[in-house]
Amino acid sequence: MRLFIGIALPEDIRFRMSLLCCGLPNVRWVQPENMHLTLRFIGEVDNCVMQDIDAALAAVRAPSFMLSLAGVGHFGKEKNVRVIWAGVEKSPALQHLHDKIESAVVRSGQPPDGQKFSPHVTLSRVKTPPPAGKLLEFITSNNLFRAQPFEVTHFTLFSSFPSSEGSIYRAEESYELSRA
């Protein structure tokens, strides 16, 4: 099964972000129910490995915290855009949670991620880059996007299943953060 660890977003935040998902040709917008903030991608594992990861994640202790989404951007050069995203405001608490999760996943026997943590919420995966002018127009029109802060009270181990309409995500297990 294909796994990742993420933060599920409140319904009102997903709705606000879904309003951004228009105006660009040749992109596949993420459905609102699939919008999340990925903390760690794991990939394909068998059920025994999933149980080891679950046990390691259950031992993670971190406080709940407030998080804000703001701005939009993209990964890749304009002629090779791969992802269009909504940004996450800098958060030491989010970085702390990420680091604890990374440590737990490595303790469970998985290799280190090796990638710099760039928190974002994917709005679109791009197969064919939109015309440069359209992309710039989209970014300029939406760069002042800001969602109301929300409390992160837990993180989730998700499984991902491919479909013709894009991936389908299923929450496998959730892990509570402590209340301050």
Protein backbone atom coordinates (compact mmCIF):
# COMPACT_ATOMS: atom_id res chain seq x y z
CA MET A 1 0.00 0.00 0.00
CA ARG A 2 1.16 3.56 -0.75
CA LEU A 3 1.39 5.72 2.40
CA PHE A 4 1.98 9.30 3.44
CA ILE A 5 1.56 11.29 6.65
CA GLY A 6 -0.32 14.54 6.57
CA ILE A 7 -2.56 17.09 8.20
CA ALA A 8 -6.19 16.96 7.15
CA LEU A 9 -7.61 20.42 6.57
CA PRO A 10 -10.90 21.78 7.94
CA GLU A 11 -13.78 21.71 5.47
CA ASP A 12 -14.11 25.51 5.36
CA ILE A 13 -10.42 25.89 4.48
CA ARG A 14 -10.70 23.25 1.73
CA PHE A 15 -13.75 25.09 0.36
CA ARG A 16 -11.88 28.42 0.28
CA MET A 17 -8.96 26.79 -1.51
CA SER A 18 -11.27 25.10 -4.01
CA LEU A 19 -12.37 28.59 -5.10
CA LEU A 20 -8.79 29.15 -6.29
CA CYS A 21 -8.93 26.07 -8.53
CA CYS A 22 -9.93 27.57 -11.85
CA GLY A 23 -8.65 29.70 -14.68
CA LEU A 24 -5.71 27.61 -15.88
CA PRO A 25 -5.89 25.35 -18.92
CA ASN A 26 -4.15 21.94 -18.99
CA VAL A 27 -4.04 21.38 -15.22
CA ARG A 28 -5.74 18.75 -13.06
CA TRP A 29 -7.13 20.42 -9.95
CA VAL A 30 -7.12 18.50 -6.68
CA GLN A 31 -10.61 17.72 -5.40
CA PRO A 32 -11.36 19.57 -2.12
CA GLU A 33 -11.77 16.31 -0.17
CA ASN A 34 -8.18 15.39 -1.11
CA MET A 35 -6.56 18.67 -0.04
CA HIS A 36 -4.10 18.18 2.81
CA LEU A 37 -0.65 19.21 3.99
CA THR A 38 1.87 16.38 3.52
CA LEU A 39 4.33 15.97 6.39
CA ARG A 40 6.13 12.88 5.05
CA PHE A 41 5.73 10.75 1.94
CA ILE A 42 6.52 7.09 2.60
CA GLY A 43 5.58 5.24 -0.59
CA GLU A 44 4.77 1.58 -1.19
CA VAL A 45 5.00 -0.69 1.86
CA ASP A 46 3.47 -3.98 2.97
CA ASN A 47 1.11 -4.39 5.92
CA CYS A 48 3.86 -5.41 8.40
CA VAL A 49 5.86 -2.26 7.60
CA MET A 50 2.68 -0.19 7.94
CA GLN A 51 2.20 -1.62 11.44
CA ASP A 52 5.79 -0.66 12.38
CA ILE A 53 5.22 2.88 11.09
CA ASP A 54 1.91 3.09 12.96
CA ALA A 55 3.57 2.03 16.23
CA ALA A 56 6.36 4.60 15.77
CA LEU A 57 3.89 7.40 14.96
CA ALA A 58 1.73 6.51 17.98
CA ALA A 59 4.76 7.34 20.17
CA VAL A 60 5.14 10.90 18.74
CA ARG A 61 4.43 13.57 21.38
CA ALA A 62 3.93 17.17 20.29
CA PRO A 63 1.57 20.01 21.23
CA SER A 64 -1.35 21.16 19.12
CA PHE A 65 -0.79 24.48 17.35
CA MET A 66 -2.35 27.10 15.10
CA LEU A 67 -1.53 27.10 11.39
CA SER A 68 -2.24 29.57 8.58
CA LEU A 69 -2.26 29.13 4.82
CA ALA A 70 -1.27 32.09 2.68
CA GLY A 71 -0.27 32.81 -0.89
CA VAL A 72 0.08 30.60 -3.95
CA GLY A 73 3.05 29.45 -5.98
CA HIS A 74 4.43 26.60 -8.04
CA PHE A 75 7.23 24.04 -8.13
CA GLY A 76 9.28 23.89 -11.31
CA LYS A 77 10.32 26.50 -13.83
CA GLU A 78 7.55 28.21 -15.80
CA LYS A 79 8.07 25.90 -18.79
CA ASN A 80 8.24 22.85 -16.53
CA VAL A 81 5.69 23.54 -13.76
CA ARG A 82 4.88 20.32 -11.88
CA VAL A 83 2.68 21.52 -8.99
CA ILE A 84 0.63 24.62 -8.18
CA TRP A 85 0.23 25.09 -4.44
CA ALA A 86 -1.18 27.18 -1.60
CA GLY A 87 1.50 28.25 0.85
CA VAL A 88 1.84 27.65 4.57
CA GLU A 89 3.01 30.47 6.82
CA LYS A 90 6.25 29.77 8.66
CA SER A 91 5.53 27.78 11.81
CA PRO A 92 8.17 26.52 14.26
CA ALA A 93 5.51 24.18 15.71
CA LEU A 94 4.87 22.65 12.27
CA GLN A 95 8.61 22.19 11.72
CA HIS A 96 8.89 20.57 15.18
CA LEU A 97 6.06 18.14 14.35
CA HIS A 98 7.63 17.34 10.98
CA ASP A 99 10.99 16.62 12.61
CA LYS A 100 9.40 14.31 15.21
CA ILE A 101 7.50 12.44 12.50
CA GLU A 102 10.62 12.10 10.36
CA SER A 103 12.51 10.69 13.33
CA ALA A 104 9.69 8.21 14.08
CA VAL A 105 9.50 7.03 10.46
CA VAL A 106 13.27 6.46 10.36
CA ARG A 107 13.10 4.57 13.70
CA SER A 108 10.46 2.33 12.14
CA GLY A 109 13.04 1.22 9.57
CA GLN A 110 12.33 3.57 6.65
CA PRO A 111 15.15 5.50 4.97
CA PRO A 112 15.46 9.24 5.75
CA ASP A 113 13.39 11.47 3.49
CA GLY A 114 16.39 13.40 2.20
CA GLN A 115 14.25 16.28 0.92
CA LYS A 116 13.93 19.75 2.40
CA PHE A 117 10.53 20.17 4.06
CA SER A 118 8.56 22.73 1.99
CA PRO A 119 5.09 22.84 3.55
CA HIS A 120 2.31 23.49 1.05
CA VAL A 121 -1.11 22.29 -0.01
CA THR A 122 -1.21 20.99 -3.56
CA LEU A 123 -3.92 22.67 -5.63
CA SER A 124 -2.99 21.11 -8.97
CA ARG A 125 -0.65 18.58 -10.51
CA VAL A 126 0.43 19.77 -13.92
CA LYS A 127 0.94 17.44 -16.88
CA THR A 128 1.22 20.12 -19.57
CA PRO A 129 2.37 23.53 -18.31
CA PRO A 130 -0.16 26.31 -18.90
CA PRO A 131 0.91 29.24 -21.08
CA ALA A 132 3.42 31.37 -19.13
CA GLY A 133 1.17 34.42 -19.24
CA LYS A 134 -1.77 32.46 -17.82
CA LEU A 135 0.37 31.04 -15.00
CA LEU A 136 1.70 34.49 -14.09
CA GLU A 137 -1.85 35.87 -14.20
CA PHE A 138 -3.06 33.07 -11.88
CA ILE A 139 -0.22 33.61 -9.39
CA THR A 140 -0.65 37.41 -9.44
CA SER A 141 -4.43 37.18 -9.03
CA ASN A 142 -4.22 34.81 -6.08
CA ASN A 143 -0.98 35.69 -4.29
CA LEU A 144 -2.89 37.55 -1.56
CA PHE A 145 -4.86 34.41 -0.67
CA ARG A 146 -5.05 33.96 3.08
CA ALA A 147 -7.13 31.44 5.01
CA GLN A 148 -8.28 31.87 8.57
CA PRO A 149 -5.85 30.21 11.04
CA PHE A 150 -6.93 26.79 12.24
CA GLU A 151 -5.86 24.54 15.09
CA VAL A 152 -3.89 21.43 14.22
CA THR A 153 -5.00 18.86 16.79
CA HIS A 154 -3.81 15.66 15.11
CA PHE A 155 -1.92 14.23 12.16
CA THR A 156 -2.94 11.28 10.00
CA LEU A 157 -1.42 8.27 8.27
CA PHE A 158 -3.07 8.13 4.83
CA SER A 159 -3.10 5.47 2.14
CA SER A 160 -3.33 6.48 -1.49
CA PHE A 161 -5.00 4.55 -4.30
CA PRO A 162 -4.75 5.53 -7.97
CA SER A 163 -7.90 6.07 -10.03
CA SER A 164 -8.70 7.52 -13.43
CA GLU A 165 -9.90 10.71 -11.69
CA GLY A 166 -6.71 11.08 -9.62
CA SER A 167 -5.62 9.51 -6.36
CA ILE A 168 -8.10 8.56 -3.66
CA TYR A 169 -6.88 9.08 -0.09
CA ARG A 170 -8.05 7.12 2.92
CA ALA A 171 -7.21 7.94 6.55
CA GLU A 172 -5.72 4.79 8.08
CA GLU A 173 -4.92 6.14 11.55
CA SER A 174 -4.94 9.51 13.31
CA TYR A 175 -2.61 10.60 16.12
CA GLU A 176 -3.70 13.23 18.62
CA LEU A 177 -1.49 16.15 19.58
CA SER A 178 -1.50 17.28 23.20
CA ARG A 179 -3.55 20.28 24.24
CA ALA A 180 -1.61 23.11 25.85
